[in-house]
Amino acid sequence: MTASSSSHDLRPEDLPGCTLLSLPRDLDLGNCAALLDAAARVVADRAGLLHTLVLDLTGTAFMDSRGVRLVDDIRALLAPGAELRLVAVPDSLVLRVLTLTGLRRDVPVYDDLTEAVTGTCALLGERAPGPDRPADPDAAA
């Protein structure tokens, strides 16, 4: 890690319909408290405007129980009706941890950042097809 980067910094990227937070390589006891504080600031700064928050875990190689708690705590920061989405590399340790802890049942996990970001139509609020919502069968005809 260089002096100019920190595993405690979260630089939000505001995209149409959502805010994206890329999480660091490791999520553990050493950085999760500071990351939660940073995420709380991001959420508070967008009070009333944040409808979807996407956590990008594709660069995360290690996640222990504190990382799971971090994701759940960030979800609790969101206003009622706001959605949390996760992006994780398929067959990764992070995805395995999310699955084993049951968090994956409660929070949508995508394997592609574009799918996670576009999972909601900003204008209509329609969810895109995903693991819990199949594509329109008539569209294939």
Foldseek 3Di string as FASTA:
>chain_A
DDPVDDQLDWDWDDDQQAIETEHAQEQDPVHLVSNLVNLLVVQVVCVPNHQEYEYECQNHQYYDPSNVVSLVSSVVSHDPNHAYAYEYAPPGPVVVVCVVVVVCVVHPYHPDPVLRVVQADSVPRHGDDDPVHHHDPVVVD
